[in-house]
Amino acid sequence: GGFYTEAITEDFATGILIQRAGFVCLGTSDPLASGLSPTDIPNL
């Protein structure tokens, strides 16, 4: 039914539901994108 909307960590919940639906999910160790980590203590 799409991305799970009833959680503040919608990604975590969506992943669980996909696996519960019988799909295989893979994790790789090769970094392929880079972003910004939090730059101040309150946001961390």
Full PDB file with SEQRES, HELIX, SHEET, SSBOND, CRYST1, ORIGX, SCALE, CONECT and MASTER records, all heavy atoms in Angstrom:
SEQRES   1 A   44  GLY GLY PHE TYR THR GLU ALA ILE THR GLU ASP PHE ALA          
SEQRES   2 A   44  THR GLY ILE LEU ILE GLN ARG ALA GLY PHE VAL CYS LEU          
SEQRES   3 A   44  GLY THR SER ASP PRO LEU ALA SER GLY LEU SER PRO THR          
SEQRES   4 A   44  ASP ILE PRO ASN LEU                                          
HELIX    1 AA1 GLU A   10  ARG A   20  1                                  11    
CRYST1    1.000    1.000    1.000  90.00  90.00  90.00 P 1           1          
ORIGX1      1.000000  0.000000  0.000000        0.00000                         
ORIGX2      0.000000  1.000000  0.000000        0.00000                         
ORIGX3      0.000000  0.000000  1.000000        0.00000                         
SCALE1      1.000000  0.000000  0.000000        0.00000                         
SCALE2      0.000000  1.000000  0.000000        0.00000                         
SCALE3      0.000000  0.000000  1.000000        0.00000                         
ATOM      1  N   GLY A   1       0.792  -1.224   0.000  1.00  0.00           N  
ATOM      2  CA  GLY A   1       0.000   0.000   0.000  1.00  0.00           C  
ATOM      3  C   GLY A   1       0.820   1.268   0.000  1.00  0.00           C  
ATOM      4  O   GLY A   1       0.333   2.328   0.401  1.00  0.00           O  
ATOM      5  N   GLY A   2       2.079   1.198  -0.439  1.00  0.00           N  
ATOM      6  CA  GLY A   2       2.933   2.381  -0.503  1.00  0.00           C  
ATOM      7  C   GLY A   2       3.767   2.574   0.745  1.00  0.00           C  
ATOM      8  O   GLY A   2       3.789   1.725   1.641  1.00  0.00           O  
ATOM      9  N   PHE A   3       4.462   3.695   0.824  1.00  0.00           N  
ATOM     10  CA  PHE A   3       5.276   4.013   1.992  1.00  0.00           C  
ATOM     11  C   PHE A   3       4.367   4.154   3.219  1.00  0.00           C  
ATOM     12  O   PHE A   3       3.317   4.789   3.157  1.00  0.00           O  
ATOM     13  CB  PHE A   3       6.052   5.312   1.765  1.00  0.00           C  
ATOM     14  CG  PHE A   3       7.127   5.213   0.719  1.00  0.00           C  
ATOM     15  CD1 PHE A   3       6.844   5.497  -0.613  1.00  0.00           C  
ATOM     16  CD2 PHE A   3       8.416   4.825   1.054  1.00  0.00           C  
ATOM     17  CE1 PHE A   3       7.825   5.406  -1.589  1.00  0.00           C  
ATOM     18  CE2 PHE A   3       9.403   4.734   0.082  1.00  0.00           C  
ATOM     19  CZ  PHE A   3       9.104   5.019  -1.238  1.00  0.00           C  
ATOM     20  N   TYR A   4       4.802   3.590   4.315  1.00  0.00           N  
ATOM     21  CA  TYR A   4       4.001   3.568   5.542  1.00  0.00           C  
ATOM     22  C   TYR A   4       3.915   4.968   6.141  1.00  0.00           C  
ATOM     23  O   TYR A   4       4.937   5.623   6.376  1.00  0.00           O  
ATOM     24  CB  TYR A   4       4.632   2.605   6.547  1.00  0.00           C  
ATOM     25  CG  TYR A   4       3.815   2.355   7.777  1.00  0.00           C  
ATOM     26  CD1 TYR A   4       2.660   1.580   7.723  1.00  0.00           C  
ATOM     27  CD2 TYR A   4       4.196   2.878   9.008  1.00  0.00           C  
ATOM     28  CE1 TYR A   4       1.914   1.328   8.865  1.00  0.00           C  
ATOM     29  CE2 TYR A   4       3.450   2.630  10.158  1.00  0.00           C  
ATOM     30  CZ  TYR A   4       2.315   1.857  10.079  1.00  0.00           C  
ATOM     31  OH  TYR A   4       1.580   1.610  11.217  1.00  0.00           O  
ATOM     32  N   THR A   5       2.701   5.437   6.391  1.00  0.00           N  
ATOM     33  CA  THR A   5       2.503   6.826   6.812  1.00  0.00           C  
ATOM     34  C   THR A   5       2.247   7.007   8.303  1.00  0.00           C  
ATOM     35  O   THR A   5       2.125   8.132   8.769  1.00  0.00           O  
ATOM     36  CB  THR A   5       1.298   7.437   6.057  1.00  0.00           C  
ATOM     37  OG1 THR A   5       0.123   6.662   6.337  1.00  0.00           O  
ATOM     38  CG2 THR A   5       1.556   7.459   4.558  1.00  0.00           C  
ATOM     39  N   GLU A   6       2.174   5.912   9.058  1.00  0.00           N  
ATOM     40  CA  GLU A   6       1.789   6.023  10.470  1.00  0.00           C  
ATOM     41  C   GLU A   6       2.973   5.923  11.417  1.00  0.00           C  
ATOM     42  O   GLU A   6       2.830   5.487  12.560  1.00  0.00           O  
ATOM     43  CB  GLU A   6       0.774   4.927  10.803  1.00  0.00           C  
ATOM     44  CG  GLU A   6      -0.508   4.983   9.986  1.00  0.00           C  
ATOM     45  CD  GLU A   6      -1.233   6.311  10.160  1.00  0.00           C  
ATOM     46  OE1 GLU A   6      -1.322   6.787  11.308  1.00  0.00           O  
ATOM     47  OE2 GLU A   6      -1.711   6.857   9.150  1.00  0.00           O  
ATOM     48  N   ALA A   7       4.158   6.313  10.970  1.00  0.00           N  
ATOM     49  CA  ALA A   7       5.339   6.258  11.836  1.00  0.00           C  
ATOM     50  C   ALA A   7       6.252   7.428  11.509  1.00  0.00           C  
ATOM     51  O   ALA A   7       6.325   7.876  10.360  1.00  0.00           O  
ATOM     52  CB  ALA A   7       6.089   4.937  11.646  1.00  0.00           C  
ATOM     53  N   ILE A   8       6.971   7.943  12.505  1.00  0.00           N  
ATOM     54  CA  ILE A   8       7.916   9.034  12.261  1.00  0.00           C  
ATOM     55  C   ILE A   8       9.206   8.503  11.646  1.00  0.00           C  
ATOM     56  O   ILE A   8      10.014   9.278  11.143  1.00  0.00           O  
ATOM     57  CB  ILE A   8       8.209   9.835  13.544  1.00  0.00           C  
ATOM     58  CG1 ILE A   8       8.814   8.936  14.636  1.00  0.00           C  
ATOM     59  CG2 ILE A   8       6.964  10.518  14.054  1.00  0.00           C  
ATOM     60  CD1 ILE A   8       9.255   9.715  15.864  1.00  0.00           C  
ATOM     61  N   THR A   9       9.403   7.185  11.710  1.00  0.00           N  
ATOM     62  CA  THR A   9      10.482   6.544  10.948  1.00  0.00           C  
ATOM     63  C   THR A   9       9.817   5.687   9.878  1.00  0.00           C  
ATOM     64  O   THR A   9       9.782   4.472   9.961  1.00  0.00           O  
ATOM     65  CB  THR A   9      11.379   5.695  11.856  1.00  0.00           C  
ATOM     66  OG1 THR A   9      10.557   4.876  12.701  1.00  0.00           O  
ATOM     67  CG2 THR A   9      12.271   6.558  12.725  1.00  0.00           C  
ATOM     68  N   GLU A  10       9.279   6.368   8.872  1.00  0.00           N  
ATOM     69  CA  GLU A  10       8.512   5.688   7.830  1.00  0.00           C  
ATOM     70  C   GLU A  10       9.371   4.714   7.032  1.00  0.00           C  
ATOM     71  O   GLU A  10       8.878   3.705   6.528  1.00  0.00           O  
ATOM     72  CB  GLU A  10       7.861   6.717   6.903  1.00  0.00           C  
ATOM     73  CG  GLU A  10       8.748   7.336   5.834  1.00  0.00           C  
ATOM     74  CD  GLU A  10       9.904   8.163   6.368  1.00  0.00           C  
ATOM     75  OE1 GLU A  10       9.759   8.739   7.462  1.00  0.00           O  
ATOM     76  OE2 GLU A  10      10.947   8.233   5.704  1.00  0.00           O  
ATOM     77  N   ASP A  11      10.671   5.014   6.930  1.00  0.00           N  
ATOM     78  CA  ASP A  11      11.560   4.122   6.186  1.00  0.00           C  
ATOM     79  C   ASP A  11      11.732   2.777   6.902  1.00  0.00           C  
ATOM     80  O   ASP A  11      11.636   1.715   6.280  1.00  0.00           O  
ATOM     81  CB  ASP A  11      12.919   4.798   5.955  1.00  0.00           C  
ATOM     82  CG  ASP A  11      13.438   5.548   7.178  1.00  0.00           C  
ATOM     83  OD1 ASP A  11      12.885   5.370   8.293  1.00  0.00           O  
ATOM     84  OD2 ASP A  11      14.400   6.319   7.024  1.00  0.00           O  
ATOM     85  N   PHE A  12      11.971   2.815   8.194  1.00  0.00           N  
ATOM     86  CA  PHE A  12      12.123   1.595   8.992  1.00  0.00           C  
ATOM     87  C   PHE A  12      10.877   0.723   8.881  1.00  0.00           C  
ATOM     88  O   PHE A  12      10.956  -0.487   8.636  1.00  0.00           O  
ATOM     89  CB  PHE A  12      12.384   1.987  10.449  1.00  0.00           C  
ATOM     90  CG  PHE A  12      12.592   0.832  11.396  1.00  0.00           C  
ATOM     91  CD1 PHE A  12      13.709   0.024  11.289  1.00  0.00           C  
ATOM     92  CD2 PHE A  12      11.675   0.574  12.392  1.00  0.00           C  
ATOM     93  CE1 PHE A  12      13.912  -1.037  12.168  1.00  0.00           C  
ATOM     94  CE2 PHE A  12      11.862  -0.485  13.283  1.00  0.00           C  
ATOM     95  CZ  PHE A  12      12.987  -1.288  13.166  1.00  0.00           C  
ATOM     96  N   ALA A  13       9.712   1.344   9.020  1.00  0.00           N  
ATOM     97  CA  ALA A  13       8.449   0.598   8.965  1.00  0.00           C  
ATOM     98  C   ALA A  13       8.192   0.049   7.562  1.00  0.00           C  
ATOM     99  O   ALA A  13       7.759  -1.105   7.405  1.00  0.00           O  
ATOM    100  CB  ALA A  13       7.297   1.503   9.395  1.00  0.00           C  
ATOM    101  N   THR A  14       8.459   0.847   6.538  1.00  0.00           N  
ATOM    102  CA  THR A  14       8.232   0.402   5.163  1.00  0.00           C  
ATOM    103  C   THR A  14       9.092  -0.814   4.829  1.00  0.00           C  
ATOM    104  O   THR A  14       8.628  -1.767   4.201  1.00  0.00           O  
ATOM    105  CB  THR A  14       8.527   1.549   4.179  1.00  0.00           C  
ATOM    106  OG1 THR A  14       7.642   2.647   4.453  1.00  0.00           O  
ATOM    107  CG2 THR A  14       8.336   1.107   2.740  1.00  0.00           C  
ATOM    108  N   GLY A  15      10.337  -0.795   5.259  1.00  0.00           N  
ATOM    109  CA  GLY A  15      11.235  -1.917   5.009  1.00  0.00           C  
ATOM    110  C   GLY A  15      10.743  -3.202   5.651  1.00  0.00           C  
ATOM    111  O   GLY A  15      10.797  -4.280   5.038  1.00  0.00           O  
ATOM    112  N   ILE A  16      10.261  -3.115   6.887  1.00  0.00           N  
ATOM    113  CA  ILE A  16       9.733  -4.297   7.573  1.00  0.00           C  
ATOM    114  C   ILE A  16       8.538  -4.869   6.814  1.00  0.00           C  
ATOM    115  O   ILE A  16       8.430  -6.085   6.612  1.00  0.00           O  
ATOM    116  CB  ILE A  16       9.337  -3.956   9.021  1.00  0.00           C  
ATOM    117  CG1 ILE A  16      10.570  -3.579   9.840  1.00  0.00           C  
ATOM    118  CG2 ILE A  16       8.611  -5.129   9.689  1.00  0.00           C  
ATOM    119  CD1 ILE A  16      10.261  -3.093  11.244  1.00  0.00           C  
ATOM    120  N   LEU A  17       7.635  -3.997   6.393  1.00  0.00           N  
ATOM    121  CA  LEU A  17       6.445  -4.456   5.675  1.00  0.00           C  
ATOM    122  C   LEU A  17       6.811  -5.126   4.350  1.00  0.00           C  
ATOM    123  O   LEU A  17       6.186  -6.120   3.957  1.00  0.00           O  
ATOM    124  CB  LEU A  17       5.498  -3.276   5.432  1.00  0.00           C  
ATOM    125  CG  LEU A  17       4.796  -2.722   6.672  1.00  0.00           C  
ATOM    126  CD1 LEU A  17       4.012  -1.465   6.328  1.00  0.00           C  
ATOM    127  CD2 LEU A  17       3.872  -3.763   7.296  1.00  0.00           C  
ATOM    128  N   ILE A  18       7.812  -4.602   3.662  1.00  0.00           N  
ATOM    129  CA  ILE A  18       8.244  -5.209   2.406  1.00  0.00           C  
ATOM    130  C   ILE A  18       8.782  -6.619   2.654  1.00  0.00           C  
ATOM    131  O   ILE A  18       8.484  -7.559   1.900  1.00  0.00           O  
ATOM    132  CB  ILE A  18       9.304  -4.320   1.721  1.00  0.00           C  
ATOM    133  CG1 ILE A  18       8.645  -3.062   1.148  1.00  0.00           C  
ATOM    134  CG2 ILE A  18      10.042  -5.080   0.623  1.00  0.00           C  
ATOM    135  CD1 ILE A  18       9.614  -2.050   0.569  1.00  0.00           C  
ATOM    136  N   GLN A  19       9.561  -6.789   3.708  1.00  0.00           N  
ATOM    137  CA  GLN A  19      10.088  -8.115   4.025  1.00  0.00           C  
ATOM    138  C   GLN A  19       8.983  -9.058   4.483  1.00  0.00           C  
ATOM    139  O   GLN A  19       8.990 -10.251   4.139  1.00  0.00           O  
ATOM    140  CB  GLN A  19      11.183  -7.987   5.085  1.00  0.00           C  
ATOM    141  CG  GLN A  19      12.451  -7.346   4.540  1.00  0.00           C  
ATOM    142  CD  GLN A  19      13.337  -6.729   5.600  1.00  0.00           C  
ATOM    143  OE1 GLN A  19      13.128  -6.929   6.794  1.00  0.00           O  
ATOM    144  NE2 GLN A  19      14.325  -5.956   5.166  1.00  0.00           N  
ATOM    145  N   ARG A  20       8.019  -8.540   5.213  1.00  0.00           N  
ATOM    146  CA  ARG A  20       6.895  -9.370   5.647  1.00  0.00           C  
ATOM    147  C   ARG A  20       6.042  -9.808   4.458  1.00  0.00           C  
ATOM    148  O   ARG A  20       5.369 -10.845   4.530  1.00  0.00           O  
ATOM    149  CB  ARG A  20       6.041  -8.610   6.669  1.00  0.00           C  
ATOM    150  CG  ARG A  20       6.727  -8.444   8.017  1.00  0.00           C  
ATOM    151  CD  ARG A  20       5.905  -7.657   9.006  1.00  0.00           C  
ATOM    152  NE  ARG A  20       4.678  -8.339   9.369  1.00  0.00           N  
ATOM    153  CZ  ARG A  20       3.861  -7.946  10.359  1.00  0.00           C  
ATOM    154  NH1 ARG A  20       4.169  -6.881  11.072  1.00  0.00           N  
ATOM    155  NH2 ARG A  20       2.771  -8.610  10.614  1.00  0.00           N  
ATOM    156  N   ALA A  21       6.088  -9.037   3.390  1.00  0.00           N  
ATOM    157  CA  ALA A  21       5.328  -9.395   2.187  1.00  0.00           C  
ATOM    158  C   ALA A  21       6.051 -10.438   1.340  1.00  0.00           C  
ATOM    159  O   ALA A  21       5.558 -10.815   0.271  1.00  0.00           O  
ATOM    160  CB  ALA A  21       5.051  -8.146   1.355  1.00  0.00           C  
ATOM    161  N   GLY A  22       7.226 -10.896   1.792  1.00  0.00           N  
ATOM    162  CA  GLY A  22       7.926 -11.974   1.104  1.00  0.00           C  
ATOM    163  C   GLY A  22       9.014 -11.546   0.151  1.00  0.00           C  
ATOM    164  O   GLY A  22       9.554 -12.369  -0.580  1.00  0.00           O  
ATOM    165  N   PHE A  23       9.367 -10.265   0.153  1.00  0.00           N  
ATOM    166  CA  PHE A  23      10.419  -9.785  -0.740  1.00  0.00           C  
ATOM    167  C   PHE A  23      11.791  -9.903  -0.075  1.00  0.00           C  
ATOM    168  O   PHE A  23      11.918  -9.768   1.143  1.00  0.00           O  
ATOM    169  CB  PHE A  23      10.154  -8.326  -1.135  1.00  0.00           C  
ATOM    170  CG  PHE A  23       8.983  -8.146  -2.052  1.00  0.00           C  
ATOM    171  CD1 PHE A  23       7.703  -8.025  -1.541  1.00  0.00           C  
ATOM    172  CD2 PHE A  23       9.163  -8.113  -3.427  1.00  0.00           C  
ATOM    173  CE1 PHE A  23       6.609  -7.867  -2.381  1.00  0.00           C  
ATOM    174  CE2 PHE A  23       8.080  -7.949  -4.276  1.00  0.00           C  
ATOM    175  CZ  PHE A  23       6.800  -7.832  -3.753  1.00  0.00           C  
ATOM    176  N   VAL A  24      12.799 -10.136  -0.904  1.00  0.00           N  
ATOM    177  CA  VAL A  24      14.181 -10.237  -0.430  1.00  0.00           C  
ATOM    178  C   VAL A  24      14.838  -8.863  -0.514  1.00  0.00           C  
ATOM    179  O   VAL A  24      14.733  -8.175  -1.539  1.00  0.00           O  
ATOM    180  CB  VAL A  24      14.983 -11.247  -1.275  1.00  0.00           C  
ATOM    181  CG1 VAL A  24      16.453 -11.247  -0.864  1.00  0.00           C  
ATOM    182  CG2 VAL A  24      14.384 -12.638  -1.136  1.00  0.00           C  
ATOM    183  N   CYS A  25      15.518  -8.461   0.551  1.00  0.00           N  
ATOM    184  CA  CYS A  25      16.145  -7.136   0.601  1.00  0.00           C  
ATOM    185  C   CYS A  25      17.650  -7.290   0.841  1.00  0.00           C  
ATOM    186  O   CYS A  25      18.066  -8.127   1.644  1.00  0.00           O  
ATOM    187  CB  CYS A  25      15.507  -6.289   1.701  1.00  0.00           C  
ATOM    188  SG  CYS A  25      13.719  -6.083   1.474  1.00  0.00           S  
ATOM    189  N   LEU A  26      18.430  -6.482   0.143  1.00  0.00           N  
ATOM    190  CA  LEU A  26      19.884  -6.608   0.170  1.00  0.00           C  
ATOM    191  C   LEU A  26      20.522  -5.356   0.749  1.00  0.00           C  
ATOM    192  O   LEU A  26      20.050  -4.235   0.532  1.00  0.00           O  
ATOM    193  CB  LEU A  26      20.428  -6.836  -1.243  1.00  0.00           C  
ATOM    194  CG  LEU A  26      19.755  -7.919  -2.094  1.00  0.00           C  
ATOM    195  CD1 LEU A  26      20.390  -7.960  -3.476  1.00  0.00           C  
ATOM    196  CD2 LEU A  26      19.859  -9.274  -1.415  1.00  0.00           C  
ATOM    197  N   GLY A  27      21.628  -5.542   1.471  1.00  0.00           N  
ATOM    198  CA  GLY A  27      22.428  -4.426   1.962  1.00  0.00           C  
ATOM    199  C   GLY A  27      23.833  -4.520   1.404  1.00  0.00           C  
ATOM    200  O   GLY A  27      24.451  -5.586   1.441  1.00  0.00           O  
ATOM    201  N   THR A  28      24.338  -3.431   0.845  1.00  0.00           N  
ATOM    202  CA  THR A  28      25.691  -3.419   0.298  1.00  0.00           C  
ATOM    203  C   THR A  28      26.587  -2.549   1.174  1.00  0.00           C  
ATOM    204  O   THR A  28      26.103  -1.669   1.893  1.00  0.00           O  
ATOM    205  CB  THR A  28      25.717  -2.877  -1.138  1.00  0.00           C  
ATOM    206  OG1 THR A  28      25.462  -1.468  -1.120  1.00  0.00           O  
ATOM    207  CG2 THR A  28      24.670  -3.565  -1.999  1.00  0.00           C  
ATOM    208  N   SER A  29      27.880  -2.781   1.108  1.00  0.00           N  
ATOM    209  CA  SER A  29      28.827  -2.020   1.926  1.00  0.00           C  
ATOM    210  C   SER A  29      29.559  -0.951   1.132  1.00  0.00           C  
ATOM    211  O   SER A  29      30.399  -0.234   1.676  1.00  0.00           O  
ATOM    212  CB  SER A  29      29.852  -2.973   2.552  1.00  0.00           C  
ATOM    213  OG  SER A  29      30.540  -3.697   1.548  1.00  0.00           O  
ATOM    214  N   ASP A  30      29.239  -0.834  -0.153  1.00  0.00           N  
ATOM    215  CA  ASP A  30      29.919   0.121  -1.029  1.00  0.00           C  
ATOM    216  C   ASP A  30      29.179   1.455  -1.016  1.00  0.00           C  
ATOM    217  O   ASP A  30      28.043   1.549  -1.490  1.00  0.00           O  
ATOM    218  CB  ASP A  30      29.959  -0.447  -2.451  1.00  0.00           C  
ATOM    219  CG  ASP A  30      30.772   0.419  -3.402  1.00  0.00           C  
ATOM    220  OD1 ASP A  30      31.493   1.313  -2.925  1.00  0.00           O  
ATOM    221  OD2 ASP A  30      30.680   0.197  -4.630  1.00  0.00           O  
ATOM    222  N   PRO A  31      29.780   2.529  -0.478  1.00  0.00           N  
ATOM    223  CA  PRO A  31      29.101   3.836  -0.456  1.00  0.00           C  
ATOM    224  C   PRO A  31      28.998   4.422  -1.855  1.00  0.00           C  
ATOM    225  O   PRO A  31      30.004   4.570  -2.550  1.00  0.00           O  
ATOM    226  CB  PRO A  31      29.995   4.692   0.447  1.00  0.00           C  
ATOM    227  CG  PRO A  31      31.336   4.045   0.409  1.00  0.00           C  
ATOM    228  CD  PRO A  31      31.096   2.589   0.189  1.00  0.00           C  
ATOM    229  N   LEU A  32      27.775   4.767  -2.262  1.00  0.00           N  
ATOM    230  CA  LEU A  32      27.522   5.244  -3.618  1.00  0.00           C  
ATOM    231  C   LEU A  32      26.908   6.637  -3.655  1.00  0.00           C  
ATOM    232  O   LEU A  32      26.593   7.154  -4.728  1.00  0.00           O  
ATOM    233  CB  LEU A  32      26.603   4.256  -4.345  1.00  0.00           C  
ATOM    234  CG  LEU A  32      27.145   2.833  -4.502  1.00  0.00           C  
ATOM    235  CD1 LEU A  32      26.062   1.907  -5.031  1.00  0.00           C  
ATOM    236  CD2 LEU A  32      28.364   2.825  -5.413  1.00  0.00           C  
ATOM    237  N   ALA A  33      26.704   7.229  -2.478  1.00  0.00           N  
ATOM    238  CA  ALA A  33      26.180   8.595  -2.399  1.00  0.00           C  
ATOM    239  C   ALA A  33      26.658   9.203  -1.093  1.00  0.00           C  
ATOM    240  O   ALA A  33      26.875   8.496  -0.107  1.00  0.00           O  
ATOM    241  CB  ALA A  33      24.653   8.603  -2.465  1.00  0.00           C  
ATOM    242  N   SER A  34      26.820  10.521  -1.080  1.00  0.00           N  
ATOM    243  CA  SER A  34      27.319  11.199   0.115  1.00  0.00           C  
ATOM    244  C   SER A  34      26.472  12.425   0.411  1.00  0.00           C  
ATOM    245  O   SER A  34      26.034  13.127  -0.504  1.00  0.00           O  
ATOM    246  CB  SER A  34      28.780  11.619  -0.076  1.00  0.00           C  
ATOM    247  OG  SER A  34      29.619  10.498  -0.246  1.00  0.00           O  
ATOM    248  N   GLY A  35      26.279  12.680   1.715  1.00  0.00           N  
ATOM    249  CA  GLY A  35      25.478  13.826   2.122  1.00  0.00           C  
ATOM    250  C   GLY A  35      26.080  14.515   3.323  1.00  0.00           C  
ATOM    251  O   GLY A  35      27.251  14.327   3.662  1.00  0.00           O  
ATOM    252  N   LEU A  36      25.257  15.325   3.977  1.00  0.00           N  
ATOM    253  CA  LEU A  36      25.691  16.095   5.144  1.00  0.00           C  
ATOM    254  C   LEU A  36      25.185  15.445   6.420  1.00  0.00           C  
ATOM    255  O   LEU A  36      23.997  15.183   6.561  1.00  0.00           O  
ATOM    256  CB  LEU A  36      25.141  17.522   5.065  1.00  0.00           C  
ATOM    257  CG  LEU A  36      25.946  18.567   4.286  1.00  0.00           C  
ATOM    258  CD1 LEU A  36      25.112  19.838   4.146  1.00  0.00           C  
ATOM    259  CD2 LEU A  36      27.255  18.871   4.996  1.00  0.00           C  
ATOM    260  N   SER A  37      26.079  15.199   7.367  1.00  0.00           N  
ATOM    261  CA  SER A  37      25.652  14.762   8.695  1.00  0.00           C  
ATOM    262  C   SER A  37      25.308  16.016   9.512  1.00  0.00           C  
ATOM    263  O   SER A  37      25.706  17.132   9.141  1.00  0.00           O  
ATOM    264  CB  SER A  37      26.766  13.968   9.380  1.00  0.00           C  
ATOM    265  OG  SER A  37      27.914  14.773   9.573  1.00  0.00           O  
ATOM    266  N   PRO A  38      24.539  15.886  10.613  1.00  0.00           N  
ATOM    267  CA  PRO A  38      24.167  17.063  11.406  1.00  0.00           C  
ATOM    268  C   PRO A  38      25.385  17.883  11.818  1.00  0.00           C  
ATOM    269  O   PRO A  38      26.431  17.328  12.177  1.00  0.00           O  
ATOM    270  CB  PRO A  38      23.476  16.450  12.627  1.00  0.00           C  
ATOM    271  CG  PRO A  38      22.941  15.151  12.137  1.00  0.00           C  
ATOM    272  CD  PRO A  38      23.953  14.652  11.149  1.00  0.00           C  
ATOM    273  N   THR A  39      25.252  19.198  11.758  1.00  0.00           N  
ATOM    274  CA  THR A  39      26.386  20.082  12.003  1.00  0.00           C  
ATOM    275  C   THR A  39      26.310  20.832  13.321  1.00  0.00           C  
ATOM    276  O   THR A  39      27.163  21.667  13.597  1.00  0.00           O  
ATOM    277  CB  THR A  39      26.507  21.096  10.855  1.00  0.00           C  
ATOM    278  OG1 THR A  39      25.256  21.776  10.686  1.00  0.00           O  
ATOM    279  CG2 THR A  39      26.877  20.409   9.556  1.00  0.00           C  
ATOM    280  N   ASP A  40      25.303  20.561  14.143  1.00  0.00           N  
ATOM    281  CA  ASP A  40      25.235  21.174  15.461  1.00  0.00           C  
ATOM    282  C   ASP A  40      24.579  20.210  16.440  1.00  0.00           C  
ATOM    283  O   ASP A  40      23.868  19.282  16.043  1.00  0.00           O  
ATOM    284  CB  ASP A  40      24.483  22.507  15.424  1.00  0.00           C  
ATOM    285  CG  ASP A  40      23.028  22.340  15.043  1.00  0.00           C  
ATOM    286  OD1 ASP A  40      22.716  22.342  13.834  1.00  0.00           O  
ATOM    287  OD2 ASP A  40      22.205  22.180  15.959  1.00  0.00           O  
ATOM    288  N   ILE A  41      24.845  20.407  17.709  1.00  0.00           N  
ATOM    289  CA  ILE A  41      24.403  19.475  18.744  1.00  0.00           C  
ATOM    290  C   ILE A  41      22.882  19.379  18.842  1.00  0.00           C  
ATOM    291  O   ILE A  41      22.341  18.266  18.938  1.00  0.00           O  
ATOM    292  CB  ILE A  41      25.033  19.854  20.100  1.00  0.00           C  
ATOM    293  CG1 ILE A  41      26.557  19.636  20.028  1.00  0.00           C  
ATOM    294  CG2 ILE A  41      24.439  19.035  21.244  1.00  0.00           C  
ATOM    295  CD1 ILE A  41      27.310  20.129  21.233  1.00  0.00           C  
ATOM    296  N   PRO A  42      22.121  20.483  18.847  1.00  0.00           N  
ATOM    297  CA  PRO A  42      20.658  20.349  18.933  1.00  0.00           C  
ATOM    298  C   PRO A  42      20.066  19.492  17.819  1.00  0.00           C  
ATOM    299  O   PRO A  42      19.173  18.677  18.070  1.00  0.00           O  
ATOM    300  CB  PRO A  42      20.161  21.801  18.848  1.00  0.00           C  
ATOM    301  CG  PRO A  42      21.296  22.614  19.380  1.00  0.00           C  
ATOM    302  CD  PRO A  42      22.535  21.913  18.911  1.00  0.00           C  
ATOM    303  N   ASN A  43      20.558  19.646  16.588  1.00  0.00           N  
ATOM    304  CA  ASN A  43      20.019  18.846  15.484  1.00  0.00           C  
ATOM    305  C   ASN A  43      20.453  17.388  15.576  1.00  0.00           C  
ATOM    306  O   ASN A  43      19.705  16.496  15.177  1.00  0.00           O  
ATOM    307  CB  ASN A  43      20.444  19.448  14.147  1.00  0.00           C  
ATOM    308  CG  ASN A  43      19.486  20.517  13.665  1.00  0.00           C  
ATOM    309  OD1 ASN A  43      18.312  20.246  13.420  1.00  0.00           O  
ATOM    310  ND2 ASN A  43      19.968  21.741  13.576  1.00  0.00           N  
ATOM    311  N   LEU A  44      21.660  17.139  16.085  1.00  0.00           N  
ATOM    312  CA  LEU A  44      22.091  15.760  16.297  1.00  0.00           C  
ATOM    313  C   LEU A  44      21.180  15.074  17.311  1.00  0.00           C  
ATOM    314  O   LEU A  44      20.719  13.950  17.093  1.00  0.00           O  
ATOM    315  CB  LEU A  44      23.539  15.737  16.800  1.00  0.00           C  
ATOM    316  CG  LEU A  44      24.076  14.359  17.204  1.00  0.00           C  
ATOM    317  CD1 LEU A  44      24.214  13.453  15.986  1.00  0.00           C  
ATOM    318  CD2 LEU A  44      25.410  14.498  17.934  1.00  0.00           C  
TER     319      LEU A  44                                                      
MASTER        0    0    0    1    0    0    0    6  318    1    0    4          
END                                                                             
